[in-house]
Amino acid sequence: QVQLVESGGGLVQPGGSLRLSCAASGLTFSTYAVGWFRQAPGKERECLATIDWTGSSTIYADSVKGRFTISRDNAKTTVYLQMNSLKPEDTAVYLCAVRPFHVSRRAAEYNYWGQGTQVTVSS
């Protein structure tokens, strides 16, 4: 069965950095695109970054461009989100999700989701 498990969240000061990991199992990971999303209370789920099955195509939301970097290691069946220059407004639950092959920014197009990891940016 497909499992996606996020890790690496926690409390960080403004301006700090954090790296999230999404470990996948139960699927042919190398054939799936991966997206990182975040969900804050009362707000729409936002696509932050996506990476295609080859790792060569990426898309970033304007709100995180230049600060966040998505990458993948197919040998480890893991995708990462490096987050730098964190701001209080980055506080949210961060989730990873997968869909076949190609990138998408639409949450509805993703087939499987992890449970999420909390990121809190506060002094």
C-alpha atoms as a PDB file:
ATOM      1  CA  GLN A   1       0.000   0.000   0.000  1.00  0.00           C
ATOM      2  CA  VAL A   2       1.155   3.507  -0.759  1.00  0.00           C
ATOM      3  CA  GLN A   3       2.566   5.398   2.185  1.00  0.00           C
ATOM      4  CA  LEU A   4       3.953   8.922   2.315  1.00  0.00           C
ATOM      5  CA  VAL A   5       5.518  10.068   5.570  1.00  0.00           C
ATOM      6  CA  GLU A   6       6.663  13.632   6.136  1.00  0.00           C
ATOM      7  CA  SER A   7       9.275  14.541   8.704  1.00  0.00           C
ATOM      8  CA  GLY A   8      11.504  17.435   9.679  1.00  0.00           C
ATOM      9  CA  GLY A   9       8.940  19.932  10.874  1.00  0.00           C
ATOM     10  CA  GLY A  10       9.194  21.838  14.105  1.00  0.00           C
ATOM     11  CA  LEU A  11       9.686  25.245  15.659  1.00  0.00           C
ATOM     12  CA  VAL A  12      12.131  27.618  14.016  1.00  0.00           C
ATOM     13  CA  GLN A  13      12.933  31.313  14.423  1.00  0.00           C
ATOM     14  CA  PRO A  14      12.181  33.836  11.686  1.00  0.00           C
ATOM     15  CA  GLY A  15      15.028  33.846   9.196  1.00  0.00           C
ATOM     16  CA  GLY A  16      15.925  30.285  10.043  1.00  0.00           C
ATOM     17  CA  SER A  17      16.015  27.167   7.908  1.00  0.00           C
ATOM     18  CA  LEU A  18      14.390  23.777   7.957  1.00  0.00           C
ATOM     19  CA  ARG A  19      14.509  20.748   5.675  1.00  0.00           C
ATOM     20  CA  LEU A  20      11.445  18.579   5.281  1.00  0.00           C
ATOM     21  CA  SER A  21      11.550  15.015   4.010  1.00  0.00           C
ATOM     22  CA  CYS A  22       8.847  12.895   2.422  1.00  0.00           C
ATOM     23  CA  ALA A  23       9.582   9.179   2.417  1.00  0.00           C
ATOM     24  CA  ALA A  24       7.525   7.088   0.008  1.00  0.00           C
ATOM     25  CA  SER A  25       6.807   3.378  -0.105  1.00  0.00           C
ATOM     26  CA  GLY A  26       4.418   1.049  -1.896  1.00  0.00           C
ATOM     27  CA  LEU A  27       4.751   2.682  -5.312  1.00  0.00           C
ATOM     28  CA  THR A  28       7.194   2.978  -8.176  1.00  0.00           C
ATOM     29  CA  PHE A  29       8.502   6.270  -6.873  1.00  0.00           C
ATOM     30  CA  SER A  30      10.584   7.102  -9.936  1.00  0.00           C
ATOM     31  CA  THR A  31       7.444   7.330 -12.118  1.00  0.00           C
ATOM     32  CA  TYR A  32       5.661   9.891  -9.920  1.00  0.00           C
ATOM     33  CA  ALA A  33       5.800  13.640  -9.703  1.00  0.00           C
ATOM     34  CA  VAL A  34       5.797  15.032  -6.177  1.00  0.00           C
ATOM     35  CA  GLY A  35       4.306  18.185  -4.738  1.00  0.00           C
ATOM     36  CA  TRP A  36       4.724  19.986  -1.450  1.00  0.00           C
ATOM     37  CA  PHE A  37       1.621  21.735  -0.135  1.00  0.00           C
ATOM     38  CA  ARG A  38       0.791  23.635   3.007  1.00  0.00           C
ATOM     39  CA  GLN A  39      -2.424  24.099   4.907  1.00  0.00           C
ATOM     40  CA  ALA A  40      -3.039  26.835   7.436  1.00  0.00           C
ATOM     41  CA  PRO A  41      -6.257  26.983   9.499  1.00  0.00           C
ATOM     42  CA  GLY A  42      -9.105  28.536   7.544  1.00  0.00           C
ATOM     43  CA  LYS A  43      -7.052  28.868   4.390  1.00  0.00           C
ATOM     44  CA  GLU A  44      -6.991  27.087   1.057  1.00  0.00           C
ATOM     45  CA  ARG A  45      -4.397  24.393   0.553  1.00  0.00           C
ATOM     46  CA  GLU A  46      -1.487  25.956  -1.299  1.00  0.00           C
ATOM     47  CA  CYS A  47       0.907  24.254  -3.686  1.00  0.00           C
ATOM     48  CA  LEU A  48       4.416  25.386  -2.813  1.00  0.00           C
ATOM     49  CA  ALA A  49       6.662  23.378  -5.088  1.00  0.00           C
ATOM     50  CA  THR A  50       6.475  20.451  -7.490  1.00  0.00           C
ATOM     51  CA  ILE A  51       9.027  18.224  -9.163  1.00  0.00           C
ATOM     52  CA  ASP A  52       8.465  15.841 -12.052  1.00  0.00           C
ATOM     53  CA  TRP A  53       9.415  12.194 -12.288  1.00  0.00           C
ATOM     54  CA  THR A  54      12.853  12.942 -13.747  1.00  0.00           C
ATOM     55  CA  GLY A  55      13.669  15.669 -11.259  1.00  0.00           C
ATOM     56  CA  SER A  56      14.383  18.063 -14.121  1.00  0.00           C
ATOM     57  CA  SER A  57      11.172  20.119 -14.067  1.00  0.00           C
ATOM     58  CA  THR A  58      10.139  22.183 -11.047  1.00  0.00           C
ATOM     59  CA  ILE A  59       7.510  24.815 -10.315  1.00  0.00           C
ATOM     60  CA  TYR A  60       7.417  27.115  -7.292  1.00  0.00           C
ATOM     61  CA  ALA A  61       4.775  29.347  -5.818  1.00  0.00           C
ATOM     62  CA  ASP A  62       5.669  33.030  -5.883  1.00  0.00           C
ATOM     63  CA  SER A  63       5.409  33.137  -2.107  1.00  0.00           C
ATOM     64  CA  VAL A  64       8.348  30.754  -1.686  1.00  0.00           C
ATOM     65  CA  LYS A  65      10.386  31.238  -4.852  1.00  0.00           C
ATOM     66  CA  GLY A  66      13.994  31.940  -4.014  1.00  0.00           C
ATOM     67  CA  ARG A  67      13.582  30.647  -0.464  1.00  0.00           C
ATOM     68  CA  PHE A  68      12.437  27.037  -0.887  1.00  0.00           C
ATOM     69  CA  THR A  69      14.004  24.289  -2.993  1.00  0.00           C
ATOM     70  CA  ILE A  70      12.443  20.953  -3.878  1.00  0.00           C
ATOM     71  CA  SER A  71      14.593  17.956  -4.756  1.00  0.00           C
ATOM     72  CA  ARG A  72      14.300  14.193  -4.944  1.00  0.00           C
ATOM     73  CA  ASP A  73      16.440  11.142  -4.419  1.00  0.00           C
ATOM     74  CA  ASN A  74      14.840   8.237  -6.234  1.00  0.00           C
ATOM     75  CA  ALA A  75      17.305   5.744  -4.791  1.00  0.00           C
ATOM     76  CA  LYS A  76      16.022   6.670  -1.331  1.00  0.00           C
ATOM     77  CA  THR A  77      12.422   7.132  -2.550  1.00  0.00           C
ATOM     78  CA  THR A  78      12.467  10.480  -0.786  1.00  0.00           C
ATOM     79  CA  VAL A  79      11.665  14.053  -1.748  1.00  0.00           C
ATOM     80  CA  TYR A  80      12.949  17.056   0.170  1.00  0.00           C
ATOM     81  CA  LEU A  81      11.900  20.636   0.721  1.00  0.00           C
ATOM     82  CA  GLN A  82      14.709  22.907   1.830  1.00  0.00           C
ATOM     83  CA  MET A  83      13.211  26.012   3.428  1.00  0.00           C
ATOM     84  CA  ASN A  84      15.361  29.077   4.044  1.00  0.00           C
ATOM     85  CA  SER A  85      14.619  32.600   5.264  1.00  0.00           C
ATOM     86  CA  LEU A  86      11.498  31.393   7.003  1.00  0.00           C
ATOM     87  CA  LYS A  87       8.791  33.874   7.917  1.00  0.00           C
ATOM     88  CA  PRO A  88       5.962  33.688  10.463  1.00  0.00           C
ATOM     89  CA  GLU A  89       3.481  33.459   7.591  1.00  0.00           C
ATOM     90  CA  ASP A  90       5.117  30.165   6.591  1.00  0.00           C
ATOM     91  CA  THR A  91       3.552  28.582   9.667  1.00  0.00           C
ATOM     92  CA  ALA A  92       1.326  25.721   8.510  1.00  0.00           C
ATOM     93  CA  VAL A  93       1.014  21.987   8.178  1.00  0.00           C
ATOM     94  CA  TYR A  94       3.198  20.865   5.304  1.00  0.00           C
ATOM     95  CA  LEU A  95       2.149  17.872   3.228  1.00  0.00           C
ATOM     96  CA  CYS A  96       3.638  15.926   0.367  1.00  0.00           C
ATOM     97  CA  ALA A  97       1.640  14.268  -2.376  1.00  0.00           C
ATOM     98  CA  VAL A  98       2.287  12.329  -5.573  1.00  0.00           C
ATOM     99  CA  ARG A  99       0.749  12.004  -9.021  1.00  0.00           C
ATOM    100  CA  PRO A 100       1.911  10.185 -12.190  1.00  0.00           C
ATOM    101  CA  PHE A 101       4.876  11.636 -14.028  1.00  0.00           C
ATOM    102  CA  HIS A 102       4.136  15.315 -14.618  1.00  0.00           C
ATOM    103  CA  VAL A 103       3.971  18.356 -12.388  1.00  0.00           C
ATOM    104  CA  SER A 104       0.714  19.985 -11.352  1.00  0.00           C
ATOM    105  CA  ARG A 105      -0.209  22.767  -8.952  1.00  0.00           C
ATOM    106  CA  ARG A 106      -3.747  21.461  -8.403  1.00  0.00           C
ATOM    107  CA  ALA A 107      -4.243  19.482  -5.230  1.00  0.00           C
ATOM    108  CA  ALA A 108      -7.137  17.555  -6.789  1.00  0.00           C
ATOM    109  CA  GLU A 109      -4.806  16.005  -9.336  1.00  0.00           C
ATOM    110  CA  TYR A 110      -2.679  14.247  -6.735  1.00  0.00           C
ATOM    111  CA  ASN A 111      -3.412  10.626  -5.958  1.00  0.00           C
ATOM    112  CA  TYR A 112      -1.782  10.022  -2.588  1.00  0.00           C
ATOM    113  CA  TRP A 113      -1.076  12.235   0.402  1.00  0.00           C
ATOM    114  CA  GLY A 114       0.946  12.104   3.555  1.00  0.00           C
ATOM    115  CA  GLN A 115      -0.392  13.134   6.951  1.00  0.00           C
ATOM    116  CA  GLY A 116       1.666  16.295   7.174  1.00  0.00           C
ATOM    117  CA  THR A 117       4.240  17.817   9.479  1.00  0.00           C
ATOM    118  CA  GLN A 118       3.806  21.025  11.452  1.00  0.00           C
ATOM    119  CA  VAL A 119       6.110  23.953  10.774  1.00  0.00           C
ATOM    120  CA  THR A 120       5.932  26.870  13.187  1.00  0.00           C
ATOM    121  CA  VAL A 121       7.977  30.018  12.614  1.00  0.00           C
ATOM    122  CA  SER A 122       8.075  32.158  15.723  1.00  0.00           C
ATOM    123  CA  SER A 123      10.512  34.045  17.917  1.00  0.00           C
END
